[in-house]
Amino acid sequence: MIPYELRAEHHPGELALTRRRWHVVRRGRVTGLCGLLLSPVGETGPLAAWAEVTQALRCPGCWKAYRGRAAAA
């Protein structure tokens, strides 16, 4: 089982499910690998969907941290 998943960052107070950015989090956690605390009710998705996320919607800090951890494993 992959210990990471995607979690969406939404603009505060938004009612629509527009995503500001996608973050990588440890499965079941709400803090991105970049250190940002995300909403516990935010949208989540499988890490495998990362390839489908446009570059503009990827959190660069999470991506860099995840790649560093994957390379060390």
Foldseek 3Di string as FASTA:
>chain_A
DDQKWKFFADDPPDPDLDGQAIAIDGPPAQAGLLGDGGDSPTDIGGPVCVVVDDPNRYDPSNVVSVVVVVVVD
